[in-house]
Amino acid sequence: MTRLNLALICVGYIVLFVGIALAQDDFTQQGGTVRGQIVDTTEMQNPIEGVEVWIVGTSGEEYIATTDANGDYEKSGIPAGRYLISIYKEGYGDRLGKPVTVVNGGDHYVPLKMTKKNTILDFFQSSVPMYWVLILCVVIVILIFTRAN
């Protein structure tokens, strides 16, 4: 009877350890999640929709997510490893190479900011008084030269 109890205990431990090992193996296959929010660099920190988020591994594998109306992005199932996050959107300066280390089962929050590119039109709209002063000076110079001749 003692041998039977000992055998059952051994079988129970083997089943328990195999179950734990298999559960951990499934856990490692799951990968991790990278998520975050992308906002602009103004004081309001407005969320930016439609930003492409590239998560690139050290061995070249790529995962792409896009931000929603709230500036949020999320990509799940990324295998454990080291990655660089780069973000792109037309009209904004690109941000390249934010490092992140993904662990299996991990939820990695990586918020980022983007700066809007200034165009010539943006420059003149932001400096309206200077623009009108410049136009006034040009008109005065033209009038002076036309009357002098």
N, C-alpha and C. Protein backbone atom coordinates (compact mmCIF):
# COMPACT_ATOMS: atom_id res chain seq x y z
N MET A 1 0.82 -1.19 0.00
CA MET A 1 0.00 0.00 0.00
C MET A 1 0.87 1.25 0.00
N THR A 2 1.98 1.25 0.70
CA THR A 2 2.88 2.38 0.76
C THR A 2 3.48 2.65 -0.61
N ARG A 3 3.83 1.56 -1.34
CA ARG A 3 4.38 1.74 -2.67
C ARG A 3 3.34 2.35 -3.62
N LEU A 4 2.08 1.97 -3.48
CA LEU A 4 1.01 2.51 -4.31
C LEU A 4 0.82 4.00 -4.03
N ASN A 5 0.82 4.38 -2.77
CA ASN A 5 0.70 5.80 -2.41
C ASN A 5 1.88 6.61 -2.95
N LEU A 6 3.08 6.07 -2.80
CA LEU A 6 4.28 6.74 -3.30
C LEU A 6 4.22 6.87 -4.83
N ALA A 7 3.78 5.83 -5.51
CA ALA A 7 3.65 5.86 -6.98
C ALA A 7 2.61 6.89 -7.41
N LEU A 8 1.48 6.95 -6.71
CA LEU A 8 0.44 7.93 -7.05
C LEU A 8 0.93 9.36 -6.80
N ILE A 9 1.66 9.55 -5.73
CA ILE A 9 2.22 10.90 -5.45
C ILE A 9 3.21 11.29 -6.55
N CYS A 10 4.06 10.35 -6.95
CA CYS A 10 5.03 10.64 -8.02
C CYS A 10 4.32 10.96 -9.33
N VAL A 11 3.32 10.17 -9.68
CA VAL A 11 2.56 10.42 -10.90
C VAL A 11 1.86 11.79 -10.80
N GLY A 12 1.31 12.12 -9.66
CA GLY A 12 0.65 13.41 -9.45
C GLY A 12 1.62 14.58 -9.67
N TYR A 13 2.84 14.45 -9.09
CA TYR A 13 3.84 15.50 -9.28
C TYR A 13 4.28 15.61 -10.74
N ILE A 14 4.43 14.50 -11.41
CA ILE A 14 4.83 14.52 -12.83
C ILE A 14 3.76 15.21 -13.66
N VAL A 15 2.49 14.87 -13.43
CA VAL A 15 1.39 15.51 -14.15
C VAL A 15 1.36 17.01 -13.86
N LEU A 16 1.57 17.39 -12.61
CA LEU A 16 1.57 18.80 -12.22
C LEU A 16 2.69 19.55 -12.92
N PHE A 17 3.91 19.00 -12.89
CA PHE A 17 5.04 19.67 -13.51
C PHE A 17 4.91 19.74 -15.03
N VAL A 18 4.40 18.71 -15.66
CA VAL A 18 4.18 18.72 -17.11
C VAL A 18 3.13 19.77 -17.46
N GLY A 19 2.07 19.84 -16.67
CA GLY A 19 1.03 20.85 -16.90
C GLY A 19 1.56 22.27 -16.79
N ILE A 20 2.41 22.50 -15.78
CA ILE A 20 3.02 23.82 -15.62
C ILE A 20 3.93 24.13 -16.79
N ALA A 21 4.73 23.16 -17.20
CA ALA A 21 5.66 23.37 -18.32
C ALA A 21 4.90 23.66 -19.61
N LEU A 22 3.83 22.95 -19.87
CA LEU A 22 3.04 23.20 -21.07
C LEU A 22 2.33 24.54 -21.02
N ALA A 23 1.86 24.91 -19.85
CA ALA A 23 1.20 26.21 -19.70
C ALA A 23 2.19 27.34 -19.95
N GLN A 24 3.43 27.20 -19.48
CA GLN A 24 4.44 28.22 -19.71
C GLN A 24 4.82 28.26 -21.18
N ASP A 25 4.86 27.11 -21.83
CA ASP A 25 5.19 27.08 -23.25
C ASP A 25 4.13 27.83 -24.06
N ASP A 26 2.85 27.65 -23.73
CA ASP A 26 1.79 28.40 -24.40
C ASP A 26 1.91 29.88 -24.12
N PHE A 27 2.35 30.22 -22.91
CA PHE A 27 2.49 31.61 -22.50
C PHE A 27 3.58 32.29 -23.32
N THR A 28 4.66 31.58 -23.59
CA THR A 28 5.74 32.19 -24.36
C THR A 28 5.36 32.38 -25.82
N GLN A 29 4.45 31.59 -26.33
CA GLN A 29 4.01 31.75 -27.71
C GLN A 29 3.12 32.98 -27.88
N GLN A 30 2.57 33.48 -26.80
CA GLN A 30 1.62 34.58 -26.85
C GLN A 30 2.29 35.89 -27.27
N GLY A 31 3.48 36.17 -26.83
CA GLY A 31 4.15 37.42 -27.13
C GLY A 31 3.66 38.53 -26.22
N GLY A 32 4.03 39.74 -26.57
CA GLY A 32 3.66 40.90 -25.77
C GLY A 32 2.86 41.89 -26.59
N THR A 33 2.41 42.94 -25.91
CA THR A 33 1.62 43.99 -26.53
C THR A 33 2.36 45.32 -26.39
N VAL A 34 2.41 46.07 -27.48
CA VAL A 34 2.95 47.43 -27.46
C VAL A 34 1.80 48.36 -27.78
N ARG A 35 1.57 49.33 -26.92
CA ARG A 35 0.48 50.28 -27.13
C ARG A 35 0.92 51.64 -26.63
N GLY A 36 0.15 52.66 -26.97
CA GLY A 36 0.49 54.00 -26.52
C GLY A 36 -0.43 55.03 -27.15
N GLN A 37 -0.09 56.28 -26.93
CA GLN A 37 -0.84 57.39 -27.51
C GLN A 37 0.16 58.35 -28.13
N ILE A 38 -0.22 58.90 -29.29
CA ILE A 38 0.63 59.86 -29.96
C ILE A 38 -0.08 61.20 -29.97
N VAL A 39 0.61 62.21 -29.46
CA VAL A 39 0.06 63.57 -29.38
C VAL A 39 1.03 64.54 -30.02
N ASP A 40 0.53 65.75 -30.30
CA ASP A 40 1.42 66.78 -30.84
C ASP A 40 2.18 67.46 -29.71
N THR A 41 3.11 68.33 -30.08
CA THR A 41 3.96 68.97 -29.09
C THR A 41 3.44 70.33 -28.62
N THR A 42 2.21 70.66 -28.98
CA THR A 42 1.64 71.92 -28.50
C THR A 42 1.29 71.80 -27.02
N GLU A 43 0.93 72.92 -26.40
CA GLU A 43 0.53 72.90 -24.99
C GLU A 43 -0.70 72.03 -24.76
N MET A 44 -1.59 71.99 -25.75
CA MET A 44 -2.82 71.21 -25.63
C MET A 44 -2.56 69.70 -25.74
N GLN A 45 -1.44 69.32 -26.33
CA GLN A 45 -1.09 67.92 -26.57
C GLN A 45 -2.26 67.16 -27.21
N ASN A 46 -2.67 67.66 -28.37
CA ASN A 46 -3.79 67.06 -29.10
C ASN A 46 -3.40 65.70 -29.66
N PRO A 47 -4.31 64.71 -29.58
CA PRO A 47 -4.01 63.40 -30.18
C PRO A 47 -3.96 63.50 -31.70
N ILE A 48 -3.14 62.66 -32.31
CA ILE A 48 -2.97 62.69 -33.76
C ILE A 48 -3.49 61.38 -34.34
N GLU A 49 -4.46 61.49 -35.23
CA GLU A 49 -5.06 60.32 -35.88
C GLU A 49 -4.28 59.98 -37.15
N GLY A 50 -4.23 58.69 -37.48
CA GLY A 50 -3.64 58.25 -38.74
C GLY A 50 -2.13 58.17 -38.77
N VAL A 51 -1.50 58.11 -37.62
CA VAL A 51 -0.04 57.98 -37.57
C VAL A 51 0.32 56.51 -37.76
N GLU A 52 1.28 56.23 -38.64
CA GLU A 52 1.78 54.87 -38.81
C GLU A 52 2.85 54.62 -37.76
N VAL A 53 2.65 53.55 -36.99
CA VAL A 53 3.60 53.17 -35.96
C VAL A 53 4.29 51.89 -36.42
N TRP A 54 5.58 51.97 -36.67
CA TRP A 54 6.37 50.82 -37.12
C TRP A 54 7.17 50.30 -35.95
N ILE A 55 6.99 49.02 -35.64
CA ILE A 55 7.72 48.36 -34.57
C ILE A 55 8.64 47.35 -35.26
N VAL A 56 9.93 47.65 -35.26
CA VAL A 56 10.89 46.86 -36.04
C VAL A 56 11.87 46.17 -35.09
N GLY A 57 11.96 44.85 -35.22
CA GLY A 57 12.85 44.05 -34.39
C GLY A 57 14.29 44.13 -34.84
N THR A 58 15.20 43.71 -33.97
CA THR A 58 16.63 43.75 -34.30
C THR A 58 16.98 42.81 -35.44
N SER A 59 16.17 41.79 -35.67
CA SER A 59 16.44 40.88 -36.79
C SER A 59 15.62 41.23 -38.03
N GLY A 60 14.95 42.39 -38.02
CA GLY A 60 14.28 42.89 -39.22
C GLY A 60 12.78 42.67 -39.31
N GLU A 61 12.18 41.91 -38.39
CA GLU A 61 10.73 41.70 -38.47
C GLU A 61 10.01 43.01 -38.16
N GLU A 62 8.89 43.24 -38.87
CA GLU A 62 8.16 44.51 -38.75
C GLU A 62 6.71 44.26 -38.36
N TYR A 63 6.21 45.13 -37.49
CA TYR A 63 4.81 45.14 -37.10
C TYR A 63 4.33 46.57 -37.23
N ILE A 64 3.14 46.75 -37.82
CA ILE A 64 2.64 48.10 -38.09
C ILE A 64 1.28 48.27 -37.43
N ALA A 65 1.09 49.42 -36.79
CA ALA A 65 -0.20 49.80 -36.21
C ALA A 65 -0.49 51.23 -36.66
N THR A 66 -1.75 51.64 -36.59
CA THR A 66 -2.16 52.99 -36.96
C THR A 66 -2.99 53.57 -35.83
N THR A 67 -2.77 54.86 -35.55
CA THR A 67 -3.50 55.49 -34.45
C THR A 67 -4.94 55.77 -34.84
N ASP A 68 -5.83 55.72 -33.83
CA ASP A 68 -7.24 56.02 -34.04
C ASP A 68 -7.50 57.51 -33.76
N ALA A 69 -8.75 57.90 -33.69
CA ALA A 69 -9.12 59.31 -33.49
C ALA A 69 -8.60 59.86 -32.17
N ASN A 70 -8.36 59.01 -31.19
CA ASN A 70 -7.83 59.44 -29.89
C ASN A 70 -6.31 59.41 -29.85
N GLY A 71 -5.67 59.08 -30.97
CA GLY A 71 -4.22 59.01 -31.02
C GLY A 71 -3.67 57.72 -30.44
N ASP A 72 -4.55 56.75 -30.14
CA ASP A 72 -4.13 55.50 -29.52
C ASP A 72 -3.75 54.46 -30.58
N TYR A 73 -2.74 53.66 -30.26
CA TYR A 73 -2.36 52.54 -31.12
C TYR A 73 -2.11 51.33 -30.24
N GLU A 74 -2.21 50.15 -30.83
CA GLU A 74 -1.95 48.91 -30.10
C GLU A 74 -1.61 47.80 -31.09
N LYS A 75 -0.60 47.02 -30.77
CA LYS A 75 -0.21 45.86 -31.56
C LYS A 75 0.11 44.72 -30.60
N SER A 76 -0.63 43.62 -30.73
CA SER A 76 -0.46 42.46 -29.85
C SER A 76 0.24 41.33 -30.58
N GLY A 77 0.70 40.36 -29.83
CA GLY A 77 1.32 39.17 -30.40
C GLY A 77 2.73 39.39 -30.89
N ILE A 78 3.41 40.37 -30.36
CA ILE A 78 4.79 40.65 -30.75
C ILE A 78 5.71 39.74 -29.93
N PRO A 79 6.53 38.93 -30.58
CA PRO A 79 7.43 38.03 -29.85
C PRO A 79 8.41 38.81 -28.96
N ALA A 80 8.82 38.18 -27.88
CA ALA A 80 9.77 38.81 -26.96
C ALA A 80 11.04 39.19 -27.71
N GLY A 81 11.58 40.36 -27.37
CA GLY A 81 12.80 40.82 -28.01
C GLY A 81 12.93 42.32 -27.92
N ARG A 82 13.96 42.84 -28.59
CA ARG A 82 14.23 44.28 -28.60
C ARG A 82 13.74 44.87 -29.92
N TYR A 83 13.08 46.01 -29.82
CA TYR A 83 12.47 46.64 -30.99
C TYR A 83 12.74 48.14 -30.97
N LEU A 84 12.65 48.75 -32.14
CA LEU A 84 12.68 50.20 -32.28
C LEU A 84 11.34 50.64 -32.83
N ILE A 85 10.77 51.68 -32.23
CA ILE A 85 9.48 52.20 -32.67
C ILE A 85 9.72 53.51 -33.41
N SER A 86 9.20 53.59 -34.63
CA SER A 86 9.29 54.79 -35.44
C SER A 86 7.88 55.19 -35.84
N ILE A 87 7.63 56.50 -35.93
CA ILE A 87 6.29 56.98 -36.28
C ILE A 87 6.38 57.95 -37.45
N TYR A 88 5.35 57.86 -38.32
CA TYR A 88 5.32 58.65 -39.55
C TYR A 88 3.90 59.17 -39.80
N LYS A 89 3.83 60.43 -40.22
CA LYS A 89 2.57 61.01 -40.70
C LYS A 89 2.91 62.22 -41.54
N GLU A 90 2.24 62.33 -42.68
CA GLU A 90 2.48 63.47 -43.56
C GLU A 90 2.12 64.77 -42.84
N GLY A 91 2.98 65.76 -42.97
CA GLY A 91 2.76 67.04 -42.32
C GLY A 91 3.40 67.13 -40.94
N TYR A 92 4.00 66.03 -40.49
CA TYR A 92 4.65 66.00 -39.18
C TYR A 92 6.08 65.50 -39.36
N GLY A 93 6.94 65.89 -38.44
CA GLY A 93 8.31 65.39 -38.46
C GLY A 93 8.35 63.94 -38.01
N ASP A 94 9.10 63.11 -38.73
CA ASP A 94 9.21 61.70 -38.38
C ASP A 94 9.98 61.56 -37.06
N ARG A 95 9.62 60.54 -36.32
CA ARG A 95 10.35 60.22 -35.09
C ARG A 95 10.86 58.79 -35.25
N LEU A 96 12.17 58.64 -35.18
CA LEU A 96 12.77 57.36 -35.48
C LEU A 96 13.48 56.77 -34.27
N GLY A 97 13.29 55.48 -34.06
CA GLY A 97 14.12 54.73 -33.15
C GLY A 97 13.90 54.83 -31.66
N LYS A 98 12.66 54.87 -31.19
CA LYS A 98 12.40 54.80 -29.75
C LYS A 98 12.52 53.33 -29.33
N PRO A 99 13.49 52.96 -28.47
CA PRO A 99 13.68 51.55 -28.14
C PRO A 99 12.65 51.03 -27.13
N VAL A 100 12.29 49.76 -27.27
CA VAL A 100 11.42 49.08 -26.32
C VAL A 100 11.82 47.61 -26.29
N THR A 101 11.79 47.03 -25.11
CA THR A 101 12.05 45.60 -24.96
C THR A 101 10.73 44.92 -24.61
N VAL A 102 10.29 44.03 -25.48
CA VAL A 102 9.02 43.33 -25.29
C VAL A 102 9.29 42.02 -24.56
N VAL A 103 8.48 41.76 -23.53
CA VAL A 103 8.55 40.48 -22.82
C VAL A 103 7.24 39.74 -23.05
N ASN A 104 7.30 38.42 -23.00
CA ASN A 104 6.11 37.61 -23.22
C ASN A 104 5.05 37.92 -22.16
N GLY A 105 3.85 38.14 -22.63
CA GLY A 105 2.75 38.46 -21.73
C GLY A 105 2.77 39.89 -21.23
N GLY A 106 3.74 40.68 -21.66
CA GLY A 106 3.88 42.06 -21.18
C GLY A 106 2.99 43.03 -21.93
N ASP A 107 2.62 44.09 -21.24
CA ASP A 107 1.84 45.18 -21.84
C ASP A 107 2.71 46.42 -21.74
N HIS A 108 3.27 46.85 -22.85
CA HIS A 108 4.27 47.92 -22.87
C HIS A 108 3.63 49.20 -23.39
N TYR A 109 3.55 50.22 -22.55
CA TYR A 109 2.93 51.50 -22.91
C TYR A 109 4.04 52.45 -23.35
N VAL A 110 3.99 52.88 -24.62
CA VAL A 110 5.01 53.76 -25.18
C VAL A 110 4.32 54.98 -25.78
N PRO A 111 4.14 56.05 -24.98
CA PRO A 111 3.55 57.28 -25.54
C PRO A 111 4.62 58.07 -26.30
N LEU A 112 4.21 58.73 -27.36
CA LEU A 112 5.15 59.50 -28.18
C LEU A 112 4.54 60.84 -28.57
N LYS A 113 5.41 61.78 -28.95
CA LYS A 113 4.97 63.10 -29.40
C LYS A 113 5.54 63.37 -30.78
N MET A 114 4.77 64.13 -31.58
CA MET A 114 5.19 64.51 -32.92
C MET A 114 5.08 66.03 -33.06
N THR A 115 5.99 66.59 -33.83
CA THR A 115 5.98 68.02 -34.10
C THR A 115 5.47 68.26 -35.50
N LYS A 116 4.50 69.16 -35.62
CA LYS A 116 3.96 69.50 -36.93
C LYS A 116 5.00 70.30 -37.70
N LYS A 117 5.17 69.94 -38.99
CA LYS A 117 6.09 70.68 -39.85
C LYS A 117 5.48 72.01 -40.19
N ASN A 118 6.30 73.05 -40.18
CA ASN A 118 5.83 74.37 -40.55
C ASN A 118 6.00 74.58 -42.05
N THR A 119 4.96 75.10 -42.68
CA THR A 119 5.04 75.46 -44.09
C THR A 119 5.15 76.98 -44.19
N ILE A 120 5.39 77.48 -45.37
CA ILE A 120 5.48 78.93 -45.55
C ILE A 120 4.15 79.58 -45.21
N LEU A 121 3.05 78.94 -45.58
CA LEU A 121 1.74 79.47 -45.27
C LEU A 121 1.53 79.55 -43.76
N ASP A 122 1.96 78.50 -43.03
CA ASP A 122 1.86 78.52 -41.57
C ASP A 122 2.67 79.67 -40.99
N PHE A 123 3.85 79.91 -41.57
CA PHE A 123 4.71 80.99 -41.09
C PHE A 123 4.01 82.34 -41.23
N PHE A 124 3.42 82.60 -42.41
CA PHE A 124 2.77 83.89 -42.62
C PHE A 124 1.50 84.02 -41.79
N GLN A 125 0.79 82.92 -41.59
CA GLN A 125 -0.41 82.99 -40.77
C GLN A 125 -0.08 83.24 -39.31
N SER A 126 1.03 82.69 -38.84
CA SER A 126 1.39 82.89 -37.45
C SER A 126 2.02 84.25 -37.20
N SER A 127 2.53 84.86 -38.25
CA SER A 127 3.17 86.17 -38.09
C SER A 127 2.47 87.21 -38.95
N VAL A 128 1.15 87.31 -38.83
CA VAL A 128 0.34 88.22 -39.64
C VAL A 128 0.79 89.67 -39.49
N PRO A 129 1.02 90.20 -38.28
CA PRO A 129 1.45 91.61 -38.20
C PRO A 129 2.77 91.85 -38.94
N MET A 130 3.72 90.95 -38.82
CA MET A 130 4.99 91.12 -39.51
C MET A 130 4.80 91.05 -41.02
N TYR A 131 3.91 90.20 -41.47
CA TYR A 131 3.63 90.05 -42.89
C TYR A 131 3.10 91.37 -43.47
N TRP A 132 2.17 91.98 -42.78
CA TRP A 132 1.59 93.24 -43.28
C TRP A 132 2.60 94.38 -43.21
N VAL A 133 3.43 94.39 -42.21
CA VAL A 133 4.48 95.42 -42.13
C VAL A 133 5.45 95.25 -43.30
N LEU A 134 5.80 94.01 -43.62
CA LEU A 134 6.70 93.74 -44.74
C LEU A 134 6.07 94.19 -46.06
N ILE A 135 4.80 93.90 -46.25
CA ILE A 135 4.10 94.32 -47.48
C ILE A 135 4.06 95.85 -47.55
N LEU A 136 3.76 96.49 -46.43
CA LEU A 136 3.72 97.95 -46.40
C LEU A 136 5.08 98.55 -46.76
N CYS A 137 6.15 97.99 -46.23
CA CYS A 137 7.49 98.47 -46.55
C CYS A 137 7.80 98.31 -48.04
N VAL A 138 7.43 97.19 -48.62
CA VAL A 138 7.67 96.95 -50.04
C VAL A 138 6.88 97.96 -50.88
N VAL A 139 5.64 98.21 -50.52
CA VAL A 139 4.82 99.18 -51.26
C VAL A 139 5.43 100.58 -51.17
N ILE A 140 5.88 100.96 -49.98
CA ILE A 140 6.50 102.29 -49.81
C ILE A 140 7.76 102.41 -50.66
N VAL A 141 8.59 101.37 -50.66
CA VAL A 141 9.82 101.41 -51.46
C VAL A 141 9.48 101.51 -52.94
N ILE A 142 8.48 100.77 -53.39
CA ILE A 142 8.08 100.83 -54.80
C ILE A 142 7.56 102.23 -55.14
N LEU A 143 6.75 102.82 -54.27
CA LEU A 143 6.24 104.18 -54.53
C LEU A 143 7.38 105.20 -54.56
N ILE A 144 8.35 105.07 -53.68
CA ILE A 144 9.46 106.03 -53.66
C ILE A 144 10.27 105.92 -54.94
N PHE A 145 10.55 104.71 -55.39
CA PHE A 145 11.34 104.55 -56.61
C PHE A 145 10.57 104.97 -57.85
N THR A 146 9.26 104.77 -57.89
CA THR A 146 8.51 105.15 -59.07
C THR A 146 8.35 106.66 -59.15
N ARG A 147 8.26 107.37 -58.03
CA ARG A 147 8.15 108.82 -58.05
C ARG A 147 9.48 109.49 -58.31
N ALA A 148 10.56 108.80 -57.93
CA ALA A 148 11.90 109.36 -58.16
C ALA A 148 12.24 109.35 -59.64
N ASN A 149 11.66 108.47 -60.40
CA ASN A 149 11.97 108.38 -61.83
C ASN A 149 11.02 109.23 -62.55
